[in-house]
Amino acid sequence: MTKVSVIIPVYNTEKYLPACLESVLSQTLPDLEVICIDDASPDRCGQILDEYAGKDQRVRVFHLEENHRQGYGRNLGIQNATGDYLYFLDSDDMIEADALKELSEISDQKNLDAVFFDAQNHFESEDLRSVYTPAFEDRKGTYPDHPVEGKELFDLFMEQKEWTCYPQRIFWRRSFILEEGTLNPVGSEHEDEYFAFAGILTAKRAMYIPKQYFILRIRPNSVMTSRILPKNFHGYLMNYYWMSRFVAERDLHTKAGDLNIIRMYERCCTFYDRLSGEFDLREICSHRELDKILFECFEIHLKAKKQMSMIDPGVMERIRSCAHLYIYGAGIVADKFAKEILMQKDIPLDGFLVTETKGNAQILYGRRIQAFESTKLPEDSLVVVAVGKTLRSEVCAILEKSGVNWIYYRDQE
């Protein structure tokens, strides 16, 4: 029986590949398989993989005729894996000798769908150490030492600013991945953002283990140390779409999930501003019809956002001074207003208020949508009216009668 399937997409890493394979094949857990996907690598990687497969029957090699990127390779590995658990490793990185044994043991004991853990950094040179700060530092936050729902663990990661999507820091139960139908999106960069996001939101039992099982090699010209290019913008734009569609289809709106989606959008905006003066970003989004549509919608929204902020400066000053903020409304206006509030990062948003809850969702951006009349607001609360013109007079009259502190989000009107 195979306990763990290690899936390694391989491309242009002949210098580092042997060390990667040795770290896996020398694991103290013997019953494993190593599924290597030669992604049409232009160097000697394919030959090196065949040599290892000839020496160790645990190594299985798939040679692709053309390059499909990591997401495609990881999906191919999932579809061909036979182990109880899945672990994804990059072909220039390594893992500690006891990693797979200990991770599979705790997963068996606790019946876990997913285990999250930490990494140690292996710098190729002192120059890199002095200029590059990796995102793989140990987590310092407080986490339970027992299984919790993935959604709960995700909330803790996000609240403590320690969420990372990197597949090398996650150990998955294969049956869980297959049952949920979780696969990597193909055709763009940063596919691991979506895979980890969908996985943790649907995991029934998950844990964080504060151990450095993964060894990250920090080297020149890797994905992590290379400059930002149009493909990075395209990857985050697609993640924004895939994540938004996922939570809508699964009805999985959570505070952490929605904030992570907003983070994807923020990165799109940042990369667009940084790259649009140097590159034609429309070209990178021209290969599929979906890409074209998303890019056009993004540019329209970004242009409108830059032309007119929804929040009057005077309103923003009052918002920043309040202890508890509520938005009256749950429609299109409230949705857009909430996004701008949440992007400020330092403003509390307690929830949404409506006149009638019937016909509305229960949660928006991780906050409850409540009936105003039955909700007791905390002291020092401010209610911002964010409804269309047809409802504005009615809502303002209700709030005026109630005596709560309220303001219309664009006072100049």
Protein backbone atom coordinates (compact mmCIF):
# COMPACT_ATOMS: atom_id res chain seq x y z
CA MET A 1 0.00 0.00 0.00
CA THR A 2 1.20 3.52 -0.82
CA LYS A 3 0.93 5.91 2.11
CA VAL A 4 1.98 9.16 0.45
CA SER A 5 2.08 10.33 -3.16
CA VAL A 6 4.64 13.10 -3.65
CA ILE A 7 3.86 15.11 -6.79
CA ILE A 8 6.71 17.11 -8.35
CA PRO A 9 6.25 19.26 -11.48
CA VAL A 10 9.69 19.65 -13.08
CA TYR A 11 10.92 22.42 -15.36
CA ASN A 12 14.42 23.78 -15.98
CA THR A 13 15.91 22.78 -12.62
CA GLU A 14 18.57 20.19 -13.52
CA LYS A 15 21.03 21.77 -11.07
CA TYR A 16 18.68 21.24 -8.11
CA LEU A 17 16.57 18.23 -9.11
CA PRO A 18 18.85 15.49 -7.70
CA ALA A 19 18.87 17.05 -4.23
CA CYS A 20 15.09 17.37 -4.35
CA LEU A 21 14.61 13.71 -5.33
CA GLU A 22 17.14 12.48 -2.76
CA SER A 23 15.33 14.33 0.02
CA VAL A 24 12.12 12.48 -0.89
CA LEU A 25 13.56 9.04 -1.58
CA SER A 26 15.52 9.08 1.70
CA GLN A 27 12.40 9.66 3.80
CA THR A 28 11.98 7.50 6.91
CA LEU A 29 8.56 6.60 5.51
CA PRO A 30 9.34 3.94 2.86
CA ASP A 31 5.85 3.31 1.42
CA LEU A 32 5.59 6.28 -0.88
CA GLU A 33 5.52 7.05 -4.58
CA VAL A 34 7.14 9.99 -6.34
CA ILE A 35 5.16 11.23 -9.35
CA CYS A 36 7.35 13.51 -11.46
CA ILE A 37 5.95 15.52 -14.36
CA ASP A 38 8.60 16.58 -16.87
CA ASP A 39 6.87 19.71 -18.17
CA ALA A 40 8.77 19.71 -21.48
CA SER A 41 11.86 20.91 -19.64
CA PRO A 42 14.53 22.19 -22.10
CA ASP A 43 17.48 20.96 -19.99
CA ARG A 44 18.49 17.50 -18.72
CA CYS A 45 15.64 17.15 -16.24
CA GLY A 46 13.86 14.49 -18.29
CA GLN A 47 17.02 12.38 -18.46
CA ILE A 48 17.69 12.77 -14.73
CA LEU A 49 14.13 11.65 -13.92
CA ASP A 50 14.45 8.56 -16.12
CA GLU A 51 17.73 7.66 -14.41
CA TYR A 52 16.10 7.84 -10.97
CA ALA A 53 13.08 5.86 -12.17
CA GLY A 54 15.45 3.16 -13.42
CA LYS A 55 17.07 2.89 -9.99
CA ASP A 56 13.98 3.20 -7.75
CA GLN A 57 10.59 1.75 -8.66
CA ARG A 58 8.85 4.31 -6.43
CA VAL A 59 9.62 7.00 -9.02
CA ARG A 60 7.06 7.43 -11.80
CA VAL A 61 7.75 9.84 -14.64
CA PHE A 62 5.36 11.57 -17.05
CA HIS A 63 6.98 13.37 -19.98
CA LEU A 64 4.86 16.15 -21.50
CA GLU A 65 5.43 17.15 -25.12
CA GLU A 66 4.77 20.83 -24.45
CA ASN A 67 4.90 23.08 -21.40
CA HIS A 68 1.64 23.36 -19.44
CA ARG A 69 2.86 24.98 -16.17
CA GLN A 70 2.65 23.70 -12.63
CA GLY A 71 -1.12 23.57 -12.22
CA TYR A 72 -1.52 21.13 -15.08
CA GLY A 73 1.31 18.96 -13.75
CA ARG A 74 -0.11 18.86 -10.23
CA ASN A 75 -3.53 17.89 -11.59
CA LEU A 76 -1.96 15.10 -13.62
CA GLY A 77 -0.24 13.91 -10.47
CA ILE A 78 -3.51 13.93 -8.50
CA GLN A 79 -5.25 11.92 -11.21
CA ASN A 80 -2.53 9.25 -11.16
CA ALA A 81 -1.77 9.13 -7.44
CA THR A 82 -2.51 6.02 -5.37
CA GLY A 83 -1.39 7.15 -1.89
CA ASP A 84 -3.59 7.85 1.10
CA TYR A 85 -2.11 11.36 1.19
CA LEU A 86 -0.84 13.94 -1.28
CA TYR A 87 2.15 16.21 -0.95
CA PHE A 88 3.23 18.74 -3.59
CA LEU A 89 6.91 19.67 -3.85
CA ASP A 90 8.75 21.93 -6.30
CA SER A 91 11.73 20.44 -8.08
CA ASP A 92 14.27 22.89 -6.61
CA ASP A 93 13.18 22.45 -2.97
CA MET A 94 13.59 19.71 -0.34
CA ILE A 95 11.93 18.22 2.73
CA GLU A 96 13.17 16.99 6.10
CA ALA A 97 13.80 13.24 6.38
CA ASP A 98 10.99 12.59 8.89
CA ALA A 99 8.45 14.91 7.29
CA LEU A 100 6.19 12.45 5.46
CA LYS A 101 6.28 9.86 8.25
CA GLU A 102 5.27 12.34 10.93
CA LEU A 103 2.67 14.09 8.78
CA SER A 104 0.99 10.84 7.77
CA GLU A 105 1.01 9.58 11.37
CA ILE A 106 -0.67 12.67 12.77
CA SER A 107 -3.14 12.69 9.87
CA ASP A 108 -4.05 9.08 10.63
CA GLN A 109 -4.35 9.69 14.37
CA LYS A 110 -6.46 12.85 14.02
CA ASN A 111 -8.33 11.84 10.84
CA LEU A 112 -7.25 15.07 9.13
CA ASP A 113 -8.11 16.35 5.67
CA ALA A 114 -5.27 18.88 5.73
CA VAL A 115 -2.18 19.68 7.79
CA PHE A 116 -0.41 23.04 7.58
CA PHE A 117 3.19 23.48 8.73
CA ASP A 118 6.25 25.72 8.45
CA ALA A 119 9.43 26.00 6.41
CA GLN A 120 13.11 26.72 6.76
CA ASN A 121 14.99 28.84 4.26
CA HIS A 122 18.04 27.67 2.32
CA PHE A 123 19.71 30.68 0.67
CA GLU A 124 21.87 30.07 -2.38
CA SER A 125 24.07 33.04 -1.47
CA GLU A 126 24.60 35.63 1.22
CA ASP A 127 23.70 38.31 -1.31
CA LEU A 128 20.21 36.84 -1.60
CA ARG A 129 19.91 36.66 2.16
CA SER A 130 20.65 40.36 2.43
CA VAL A 131 18.13 41.52 -0.18
CA TYR A 132 15.29 38.99 -0.08
CA THR A 133 12.82 38.46 2.76
CA PRO A 134 10.90 35.25 2.15
CA ALA A 135 7.22 34.85 2.92
CA PHE A 136 7.90 31.45 4.48
CA GLU A 137 8.84 32.61 7.95
CA ASP A 138 7.50 30.61 10.90
CA ARG A 139 4.05 31.48 12.11
CA LYS A 140 4.06 33.26 15.46
CA GLY A 141 0.32 33.25 16.14
CA THR A 142 -1.80 31.14 18.46
CA TYR A 143 -3.51 28.07 17.01
CA PRO A 144 -5.44 25.12 18.51
CA ASP A 145 -3.60 21.84 19.10
CA HIS A 146 -6.60 19.83 17.96
CA PRO A 147 -8.52 19.45 14.68
CA VAL A 148 -10.90 22.25 13.66
CA GLU A 149 -12.90 23.00 10.54
CA GLY A 150 -10.80 24.45 7.77
CA LYS A 151 -12.92 27.60 7.78
CA GLU A 152 -12.06 28.19 11.44
CA LEU A 153 -8.34 27.65 10.85
CA PHE A 154 -8.47 29.96 7.81
CA ASP A 155 -10.04 32.70 9.96
CA LEU A 156 -7.16 32.35 12.44
CA PHE A 157 -4.52 32.47 9.69
CA MET A 158 -6.04 35.60 8.19
CA GLU A 159 -6.68 37.36 11.50
CA GLN A 160 -3.05 36.84 12.51
CA LYS A 161 -1.79 37.72 9.01
CA GLU A 162 -0.13 34.32 8.60
CA TRP A 163 -2.04 32.76 5.70
CA THR A 164 0.11 31.41 2.87
CA CYS A 165 -1.15 29.31 0.00
CA TYR A 166 2.15 27.57 -0.79
CA PRO A 167 1.47 23.89 -1.55
CA GLN A 168 4.82 22.81 -0.10
CA ARG A 169 3.51 23.74 3.36
CA ILE A 170 0.31 21.67 3.19
CA PHE A 171 -0.31 17.91 3.46
CA TRP A 172 -3.64 16.66 2.04
CA ARG A 173 -5.78 13.54 2.39
CA ARG A 174 -6.22 12.29 -1.18
CA SER A 175 -9.80 11.03 -0.71
CA PHE A 176 -10.80 14.51 0.51
CA ILE A 177 -9.30 16.20 -2.55
CA LEU A 178 -11.05 13.73 -4.87
CA GLU A 179 -14.41 13.98 -3.11
CA GLU A 180 -14.38 17.78 -3.24
CA GLY A 181 -13.15 17.78 -6.84
CA THR A 182 -10.42 20.27 -5.95
CA LEU A 183 -8.02 20.83 -8.84
CA ASN A 184 -5.54 23.50 -9.83
CA PRO A 185 -6.74 26.01 -12.43
CA VAL A 186 -4.67 25.77 -15.61
CA GLY A 187 -3.52 28.39 -18.07
CA SER A 188 -2.22 31.00 -15.63
CA GLU A 189 0.23 31.67 -12.82
CA HIS A 190 -0.46 31.52 -9.06
CA GLU A 191 -2.80 28.54 -9.36
CA ASP A 192 -1.85 27.49 -5.83
CA GLU A 193 -3.73 30.52 -4.47
CA TYR A 194 -7.03 29.00 -5.57
CA PHE A 195 -6.17 25.38 -4.73
CA ALA A 196 -5.24 26.14 -1.11
CA PHE A 197 -8.18 28.54 -0.75
CA ALA A 198 -10.74 25.98 -1.94
CA GLY A 199 -9.08 23.22 0.07
CA ILE A 200 -9.03 24.95 3.44
CA LEU A 201 -12.59 26.29 3.09
CA THR A 202 -13.97 22.80 2.48
CA ALA A 203 -11.78 20.79 4.89
CA LYS A 204 -13.79 19.25 7.71
CA ARG A 205 -10.76 18.56 9.91
CA ALA A 206 -7.55 20.58 9.69
CA MET A 207 -4.60 21.44 11.92
CA TYR A 208 -1.48 23.56 12.00
CA ILE A 209 1.76 21.93 13.19
CA PRO A 210 4.58 24.36 14.16
CA LYS A 211 7.40 22.33 12.59
CA GLN A 212 9.76 23.23 9.73
CA TYR A 213 9.25 20.20 7.51
CA PHE A 214 9.74 22.05 4.22
CA ILE A 215 13.12 23.37 3.01
CA LEU A 216 12.73 26.31 0.64
CA ARG A 217 15.63 26.96 -1.70
CA ILE A 218 15.94 30.69 -2.35
CA ARG A 219 17.88 31.12 -5.56
CA PRO A 220 18.23 33.60 -8.41
CA ASN A 221 15.68 33.48 -11.26
CA SER A 222 13.10 31.40 -9.39
CA VAL A 223 9.39 32.19 -9.40
CA MET A 224 9.73 33.83 -5.99
CA THR A 225 12.77 36.00 -6.73
CA SER A 226 11.94 37.03 -10.31
CA ARG A 227 10.52 40.44 -11.19
CA ILE A 228 6.77 40.97 -11.55
CA LEU A 229 5.56 40.45 -15.12
CA PRO A 230 2.20 40.60 -16.95
CA LYS A 231 1.67 36.89 -16.28
CA ASN A 232 1.52 37.72 -12.55
CA PHE A 233 -1.26 40.25 -13.14
CA HIS A 234 -3.14 37.72 -15.26
CA GLY A 235 -2.75 35.04 -12.59
CA TYR A 236 -4.26 37.17 -9.83
CA LEU A 237 -7.08 38.38 -12.08
CA MET A 238 -8.01 34.75 -12.79
CA ASN A 239 -7.75 33.86 -9.09
CA TYR A 240 -10.13 36.72 -8.25
CA TYR A 241 -12.63 35.21 -10.68
CA TRP A 242 -12.17 31.56 -9.63
CA MET A 243 -12.36 32.33 -5.92
CA SER A 244 -15.43 34.55 -6.31
CA ARG A 245 -17.20 31.89 -8.36
CA PHE A 246 -16.22 29.14 -5.90
CA VAL A 247 -17.66 30.80 -2.80
CA ALA A 248 -20.80 31.81 -4.70
CA GLU A 249 -21.44 28.31 -6.06
CA ARG A 250 -20.69 26.64 -2.70
CA ASP A 251 -22.37 29.37 -0.60
CA LEU A 252 -19.15 29.52 1.42
CA HIS A 253 -18.96 33.21 2.26
CA THR A 254 -16.78 33.71 5.33
CA LYS A 255 -14.97 36.74 6.71
CA ALA A 256 -11.54 35.29 5.89
CA GLY A 257 -12.61 33.99 2.49
CA ASP A 258 -14.12 37.26 1.37
CA LEU A 259 -11.14 39.26 2.61
CA ASN A 260 -8.81 36.96 0.69
CA ILE A 261 -10.84 37.57 -2.47
CA ILE A 262 -10.51 41.31 -1.90
CA ARG A 263 -6.77 40.78 -1.50
CA MET A 264 -6.67 39.18 -4.94
CA TYR A 265 -8.42 42.23 -6.37
CA GLU A 266 -6.00 44.57 -4.59
CA ARG A 267 -3.06 42.73 -6.12
CA CYS A 268 -4.63 43.05 -9.56
CA CYS A 269 -4.88 46.81 -9.04
CA THR A 270 -1.30 47.06 -7.75
CA PHE A 271 0.17 45.02 -10.60
CA TYR A 272 -1.93 46.88 -13.18
CA ASP A 273 -0.62 50.24 -11.97
CA ARG A 274 2.95 48.93 -11.85
CA LEU A 275 2.97 47.22 -15.25
CA SER A 276 0.53 49.04 -17.53
CA GLY A 277 3.02 51.77 -18.43
CA GLU A 278 5.56 49.20 -19.61
CA PHE A 279 3.48 46.32 -21.03
CA ASP A 280 0.30 45.78 -22.99
CA LEU A 281 -1.67 43.89 -20.36
CA ARG A 282 -4.52 43.33 -22.78
CA GLU A 283 -2.26 40.98 -24.76
CA ILE A 284 -1.71 38.57 -21.84
CA CYS A 285 -5.50 38.44 -21.42
CA SER A 286 -6.29 37.83 -25.09
CA HIS A 287 -5.83 34.07 -25.44
CA ARG A 288 -9.20 32.91 -24.10
CA GLU A 289 -12.63 34.49 -24.31
CA LEU A 290 -13.03 34.40 -20.53
CA ASP A 291 -9.72 36.23 -20.07
CA LYS A 292 -10.83 38.96 -22.49
CA ILE A 293 -14.15 39.49 -20.71
CA LEU A 294 -12.56 39.62 -17.26
CA PHE A 295 -9.92 42.10 -18.37
CA GLU A 296 -12.49 44.41 -19.96
CA CYS A 297 -14.66 44.32 -16.83
CA PHE A 298 -11.63 44.96 -14.63
CA GLU A 299 -10.53 48.00 -16.64
CA ILE A 300 -14.05 49.47 -16.61
CA HIS A 301 -14.34 49.03 -12.86
CA LEU A 302 -10.84 50.35 -12.19
CA LYS A 303 -11.44 53.42 -14.34
CA ALA A 304 -14.70 54.19 -12.54
CA LYS A 305 -13.04 53.66 -9.15
CA LYS A 306 -10.24 56.07 -9.96
CA GLN A 307 -12.58 58.70 -11.37
CA MET A 308 -14.82 58.86 -8.34
CA SER A 309 -14.41 57.52 -4.86
CA MET A 310 -17.73 56.53 -3.34
CA ILE A 311 -16.79 57.96 0.05
CA ASP A 312 -16.85 61.68 0.70
CA PRO A 313 -13.81 62.85 2.76
CA GLY A 314 -16.10 64.20 5.48
CA VAL A 315 -17.90 60.88 5.71
CA MET A 316 -14.58 59.03 5.86
CA GLU A 317 -13.47 61.21 8.77
CA ARG A 318 -16.58 60.28 10.75
CA ILE A 319 -16.21 56.62 9.84
CA ARG A 320 -12.65 56.52 11.13
CA SER A 321 -13.68 58.05 14.45
CA CYS A 322 -16.48 55.56 15.22
CA ALA A 323 -16.06 52.44 17.36
CA HIS A 324 -18.70 50.35 15.55
CA LEU A 325 -19.64 50.72 11.91
CA TYR A 326 -22.77 49.34 10.26
CA ILE A 327 -23.88 49.66 6.66
CA TYR A 328 -27.61 50.06 6.02
CA GLY A 329 -28.22 48.13 2.82
CA ALA A 330 -27.24 44.82 1.28
CA GLY A 331 -27.58 45.48 -2.44
CA ILE A 332 -25.27 46.70 -5.17
CA VAL A 333 -24.56 50.09 -3.55
CA ALA A 334 -23.78 48.52 -0.17
CA ASP A 335 -21.60 45.88 -1.80
CA LYS A 336 -19.45 48.47 -3.58
CA PHE A 337 -19.28 50.68 -0.51
CA ALA A 338 -18.25 47.73 1.70
CA LYS A 339 -15.42 46.82 -0.66
CA GLU A 340 -13.98 50.31 -0.40
CA ILE A 341 -14.29 50.26 3.39
CA LEU A 342 -12.65 46.85 3.69
CA MET A 343 -9.78 47.91 1.45
CA GLN A 344 -8.87 50.59 4.02
CA LYS A 345 -7.80 47.73 6.38
CA ASP A 346 -7.96 49.86 9.54
CA ILE A 347 -11.73 50.42 9.68
CA PRO A 348 -14.00 48.08 11.67
CA LEU A 349 -17.15 46.88 9.93
CA ASP A 350 -19.56 45.19 12.32
CA GLY A 351 -22.36 44.23 9.97
CA PHE A 352 -25.13 45.10 7.52
CA LEU A 353 -28.63 46.33 8.37
CA VAL A 354 -31.77 46.03 6.28
CA THR A 355 -35.42 46.91 6.75
CA GLU A 356 -36.51 43.36 5.91
CA THR A 357 -34.23 40.31 5.93
CA LYS A 358 -36.53 38.23 3.74
CA GLY A 359 -35.02 37.88 0.27
CA ASN A 360 -31.52 38.88 1.41
CA ALA A 361 -28.51 36.67 2.04
CA GLN A 362 -27.50 36.08 5.66
CA ILE A 363 -23.82 36.93 5.26
CA LEU A 364 -21.93 39.50 3.19
CA TYR A 365 -18.12 39.77 3.42
CA GLY A 366 -18.19 37.65 6.55
CA ARG A 367 -20.63 39.98 8.35
CA ARG A 368 -24.23 39.27 9.30
CA ILE A 369 -27.13 40.94 7.49
CA GLN A 370 -29.63 41.84 10.23
CA ALA A 371 -33.04 43.47 10.47
CA PHE A 372 -32.55 46.99 11.81
CA GLU A 373 -35.59 47.01 14.11
CA SER A 374 -34.54 43.84 15.94
CA THR A 375 -30.84 44.73 16.26
CA LYS A 376 -29.47 46.42 19.39
CA LEU A 377 -26.52 48.49 18.24
CA PRO A 378 -23.54 49.03 20.56
CA GLU A 379 -22.81 52.50 21.87
CA ASP A 380 -20.59 54.66 19.64
CA SER A 381 -22.10 53.03 16.54
CA LEU A 382 -22.36 54.81 13.22
CA VAL A 383 -24.78 53.65 10.51
CA VAL A 384 -23.88 54.56 6.93
CA VAL A 385 -26.79 54.56 4.47
CA ALA A 386 -25.78 52.80 1.26
CA VAL A 387 -28.96 52.21 -0.74
CA GLY A 388 -30.30 53.29 -4.10
CA LYS A 389 -32.22 56.54 -4.58
CA THR A 390 -35.62 54.84 -4.47
CA LEU A 391 -35.06 53.63 -0.89
CA ARG A 392 -33.00 56.52 0.41
CA SER A 393 -35.80 58.70 1.84
CA GLU A 394 -37.48 55.74 3.53
CA VAL A 395 -34.29 54.50 5.17
CA CYS A 396 -33.21 57.96 6.31
CA ALA A 397 -36.63 58.50 7.90
CA ILE A 398 -36.34 55.19 9.79
CA LEU A 399 -32.91 56.10 11.13
CA GLU A 400 -33.91 59.65 12.01
CA LYS A 401 -36.82 58.32 14.05
CA SER A 402 -34.63 55.75 15.84
CA GLY A 403 -32.18 58.28 17.17
CA VAL A 404 -29.03 56.37 16.13
CA ASN A 405 -26.02 58.14 14.67
CA TRP A 406 -26.16 57.84 10.92
CA ILE A 407 -24.77 59.42 7.79
CA TYR A 408 -25.28 59.12 4.05
CA TYR A 409 -22.14 57.91 2.32
CA ARG A 410 -22.00 60.84 -0.11
CA ASP A 411 -23.10 63.86 1.92
CA GLN A 412 -22.44 66.26 -0.92
CA GLU A 413 -25.61 65.03 -2.59
